[in-house]
Amino acid sequence: MPSPTRSPPPASLHLDVERASVNTINYVPCLISARQLFKLSNKKGITGESMAIEAKVLVDKWHARGLSRDVLVAIRFENFSINEPKP
């Protein structure tokens, strides 16, 4: 059985970590949060307003775990072009 074709994950995050003042210990959680956004957008095929809501949930989750909300929002917008959900 052939393996299903998948889009490759982002090779790197387009985020200036020095500008964002991300501590080295937080690099891996930032990458994990980006990987979760990637899985939602590419593997599960979620788009539009549903994707914006799911991305907000992930930002809230990782912010509660200690990451900067500004960095998470930058990852969401700069790498995946996902805006804030409508109120």
Protein backbone atom coordinates (compact mmCIF):
# COMPACT_ATOMS: atom_id res chain seq x y z
CA MET A 1 0.00 0.00 0.00
CA PRO A 2 1.58 3.33 -1.01
CA SER A 3 1.99 5.94 1.66
CA PRO A 4 -0.28 8.98 1.38
CA THR A 5 1.32 12.11 0.04
CA ARG A 6 1.68 14.91 2.55
CA SER A 7 2.84 18.47 2.44
CA PRO A 8 6.17 18.84 4.21
CA PRO A 9 6.12 20.72 7.50
CA PRO A 10 7.57 24.20 7.51
CA ALA A 11 11.36 23.99 7.36
CA SER A 12 11.73 26.91 9.70
CA LEU A 13 9.64 29.46 11.46
CA HIS A 14 9.80 32.89 9.90
CA LEU A 15 10.13 34.68 13.20
CA ASP A 16 12.97 36.83 14.43
CA VAL A 17 13.44 35.23 17.85
CA GLU A 18 15.83 37.93 19.01
CA ARG A 19 13.30 40.64 18.17
CA ALA A 20 10.61 38.62 19.91
CA SER A 21 12.85 37.96 22.95
CA VAL A 22 12.17 34.23 22.99
CA ASN A 23 14.22 32.37 25.59
CA THR A 24 16.16 29.40 24.30
CA ILE A 25 14.19 27.05 26.53
CA ASN A 26 10.99 28.15 24.73
CA TYR A 27 12.17 27.35 21.18
CA VAL A 28 10.84 23.80 21.27
CA PRO A 29 7.36 24.73 22.60
CA CYS A 30 7.16 27.42 19.89
CA LEU A 31 7.99 24.82 17.25
CA ILE A 32 5.45 22.40 18.69
CA SER A 33 2.72 25.06 18.59
CA ALA A 34 3.60 25.79 14.96
CA ARG A 35 3.52 22.07 14.15
CA GLN A 36 0.03 21.82 15.66
CA LEU A 37 -1.17 24.71 13.50
CA PHE A 38 0.40 23.03 10.47
CA LYS A 39 -1.42 19.77 11.22
CA LEU A 40 -4.74 21.55 11.51
CA SER A 41 -4.32 23.45 8.27
CA ASN A 42 -2.82 20.70 6.10
CA LYS A 43 -3.72 17.29 7.48
CA LYS A 44 -7.20 18.04 8.78
CA GLY A 45 -8.02 20.53 6.04
CA ILE A 46 -9.59 23.12 8.33
CA THR A 47 -9.92 26.56 6.71
CA GLY A 48 -11.58 29.92 7.10
CA GLU A 49 -13.26 31.03 10.30
CA SER A 50 -13.06 27.51 11.78
CA MET A 51 -9.28 27.60 11.38
CA ALA A 52 -9.13 31.04 13.02
CA ILE A 53 -11.09 29.73 16.02
CA GLU A 54 -8.90 26.62 16.30
CA ALA A 55 -5.77 28.77 16.07
CA LYS A 56 -7.07 31.01 18.86
CA VAL A 57 -7.61 27.95 21.04
CA LEU A 58 -4.02 26.85 20.40
CA VAL A 59 -2.67 30.34 21.16
CA ASP A 60 -4.62 30.35 24.44
CA LYS A 61 -3.36 26.86 25.30
CA TRP A 62 0.29 27.67 24.72
CA HIS A 63 -0.03 31.06 26.42
CA ALA A 64 -1.39 29.25 29.50
CA ARG A 65 1.72 27.04 29.34
CA GLY A 66 3.97 30.09 29.60
CA LEU A 67 4.71 31.27 26.07
CA SER A 68 4.32 34.89 25.04
CA ARG A 69 0.97 35.64 23.40
CA ASP A 70 2.71 38.10 21.03
CA VAL A 71 5.12 35.42 19.81
CA LEU A 72 2.31 32.90 19.32
CA VAL A 73 0.22 35.41 17.37
CA ALA A 74 3.27 36.23 15.23
CA ILE A 75 3.79 32.52 14.48
CA ARG A 76 0.11 32.15 13.60
CA PHE A 77 0.00 35.16 11.31
CA GLU A 78 3.48 35.29 9.76
CA ASN A 79 3.73 31.57 8.99
CA PHE A 80 0.15 30.55 8.35
CA SER A 81 -1.64 33.85 7.49
CA ILE A 82 -4.37 33.14 10.02
CA ASN A 83 -6.15 36.21 11.36
CA GLU A 84 -8.04 36.63 14.64
CA PRO A 85 -11.51 35.03 14.60
CA LYS A 86 -14.46 37.36 14.27
CA PRO A 87 -16.24 38.14 17.54
